[in-house]
Protein backbone atom coordinates (compact mmCIF):
# COMPACT_ATOMS: atom_id res chain seq x y z
CA MET A 1 -27.49 5.82 -4.37
CA ALA A 2 -30.46 3.72 -3.57
CA ALA A 3 -33.45 5.43 -1.83
CA ASN A 4 -33.50 2.74 0.85
CA SER A 5 -29.84 3.08 1.82
CA ALA A 6 -29.14 3.52 5.53
CA PHE A 7 -28.22 6.96 6.76
CA ASN A 8 -24.80 7.22 8.29
CA ILE A 9 -22.35 9.67 9.61
CA ASN A 10 -18.92 9.42 8.06
CA GLY A 11 -15.65 11.30 8.24
CA ALA A 12 -11.94 11.12 7.63
CA PHE A 13 -9.45 11.13 10.44
CA LEU A 14 -6.70 13.59 9.71
CA ILE A 15 -4.23 15.44 11.85
CA ASN A 16 -3.71 18.87 10.48
CA LYS A 17 -1.01 21.46 11.32
CA GLY A 18 -2.72 24.76 10.63
CA ASP A 19 -4.56 24.26 7.39
CA GLU A 20 -2.41 21.48 6.08
CA VAL A 21 -2.72 17.82 6.41
CA PHE A 22 0.17 16.54 8.55
CA PHE A 23 -0.79 12.85 9.04
CA GLY A 24 -3.70 10.79 7.65
CA PRO A 25 -4.33 7.32 6.31
CA THR A 26 -2.04 7.83 3.31
CA GLN A 27 0.89 8.86 5.46
CA TYR A 28 0.12 5.99 7.92
CA LYS A 29 0.19 3.43 5.07
CA LEU A 30 3.35 4.90 3.64
CA LEU A 31 5.15 4.81 7.07
CA ARG A 32 3.95 1.28 7.71
CA GLN A 33 5.32 0.14 4.33
CA ILE A 34 8.64 1.96 4.85
CA ILE A 35 8.93 0.19 8.28
CA LYS A 36 8.37 -3.06 6.49
CA ASP A 37 10.60 -2.49 3.44
CA GLY A 38 13.28 -0.16 4.79
CA SER A 39 13.13 1.88 1.54
CA ILE A 40 11.02 4.64 0.13
CA ASN A 41 11.32 3.20 -3.35
CA ALA A 42 10.19 -0.27 -2.31
CA ALA A 43 7.39 1.09 -0.11
CA ALA A 44 6.11 3.18 -3.01
CA LYS A 45 6.20 0.24 -5.40
CA ASN A 46 4.32 -2.01 -2.93
CA LEU A 47 1.72 0.79 -2.53
CA ASN A 48 1.43 1.40 -6.27
CA MET A 49 2.63 4.91 -5.79
CA SER A 50 5.29 6.71 -7.67
CA TYR A 51 8.51 7.39 -5.83
CA GLN A 52 8.03 11.14 -6.46
CA HIS A 53 4.64 11.08 -4.82
CA ALA A 54 5.98 9.07 -1.79
CA TRP A 55 8.82 11.50 -1.49
CA THR A 56 6.43 14.50 -1.71
CA ILE A 57 4.35 13.05 1.13
CA ILE A 58 7.46 12.36 3.36
CA ASP A 59 8.96 15.72 2.60
CA LYS A 60 5.70 17.55 3.63
CA MET A 61 5.51 15.54 6.77
CA ASN A 62 9.13 16.24 7.73
CA LYS A 63 8.68 19.97 6.97
CA LEU A 64 5.49 20.23 9.12
CA SER A 65 6.99 18.14 11.92
CA PRO A 66 9.31 19.65 14.69
CA ILE A 67 11.35 16.53 14.26
CA PRO A 68 11.72 14.46 10.96
CA LEU A 69 9.65 11.43 10.86
CA VAL A 70 11.63 9.73 7.98
CA ILE A 71 15.37 9.92 7.75
CA ARG A 72 17.02 9.11 4.47
CA GLN A 73 20.32 7.28 4.49
CA LYS A 74 22.78 7.95 1.67
CA GLY A 75 23.72 5.17 -0.71
CA GLY A 76 26.98 3.36 -0.19
CA LYS A 77 28.32 -0.20 -0.49
CA ASP A 78 25.06 -1.62 0.44
CA GLY A 79 22.90 1.09 -1.14
CA GLY A 80 20.73 3.73 0.48
CA GLY A 81 17.56 3.40 2.37
CA CYS A 82 15.69 5.20 5.08
CA ARG A 83 14.44 4.67 8.61
CA ILE A 84 11.61 5.99 10.64
CA SER A 85 12.76 8.15 13.55
CA ASP A 86 11.74 7.36 17.09
CA TYR A 87 9.45 10.41 16.85
CA GLY A 88 8.08 8.99 13.59
CA ILE A 89 7.29 5.73 15.33
CA ARG A 90 5.50 7.65 18.09
CA ILE A 91 3.30 9.52 15.63
CA TYR A 92 2.62 6.31 13.73
CA GLU A 93 1.50 4.59 16.97
CA GLU A 94 -0.41 7.53 18.13
CA PHE A 95 -2.24 7.92 14.90
CA SER A 96 -3.21 4.17 14.94
CA HIS A 97 -4.58 4.56 18.49
CA ARG A 98 -6.45 7.78 17.94
CA GLU A 99 -7.90 6.48 14.50
CA SER A 100 -9.36 3.51 16.48
CA LEU A 101 -11.03 5.91 18.97
CA PHE A 102 -12.37 7.94 16.02
CA LYS A 103 -13.94 4.84 14.47
CA GLU A 104 -15.46 3.95 17.77
CA PHE A 105 -16.89 7.45 17.99
CA LEU A 106 -18.39 7.15 14.53
CA GLU A 107 -19.98 3.81 15.52
CA ILE A 108 -21.58 5.49 18.51
CA MET A 109 -22.80 8.45 16.42
CA ASN A 110 -24.34 5.96 13.94
CA ASN A 111 -26.23 3.92 16.52
CA GLY A 112 -29.93 4.47 16.01
CA LEU A 113 -29.38 7.14 13.34
CA ASP A 114 -31.86 5.61 10.99
CA GLY A 115 -34.56 6.02 13.57
CA CYS A 116 -34.19 9.74 13.36
CA PHE A 117 -34.99 9.89 9.66
CA ILE A 118 -38.18 8.86 7.85
């Protein structure tokens, strides 16, 4: 890191349940991609993520949540897939809103920070 780099306050926006991460940027991106693709497999491929990793993330979210966020649909004539529950959509939208507030907070915290340090 260069000696003349600006100082800044940084942080990651995560929603925890107890000591475990319930929802964060990775979960948000995965849900967004599932909404777009309608499938865990397609979403994982589009995010350069293994299906197993995507399923592990979904399984953890669903276990920590009082209501499942992602609902798998069994295969059939037209194949399987999944959908995001109404509660999942609510969490997705709430995360997006609160992450924006968090970014605004970081901007406020960083205003004039360099003036505090020599």
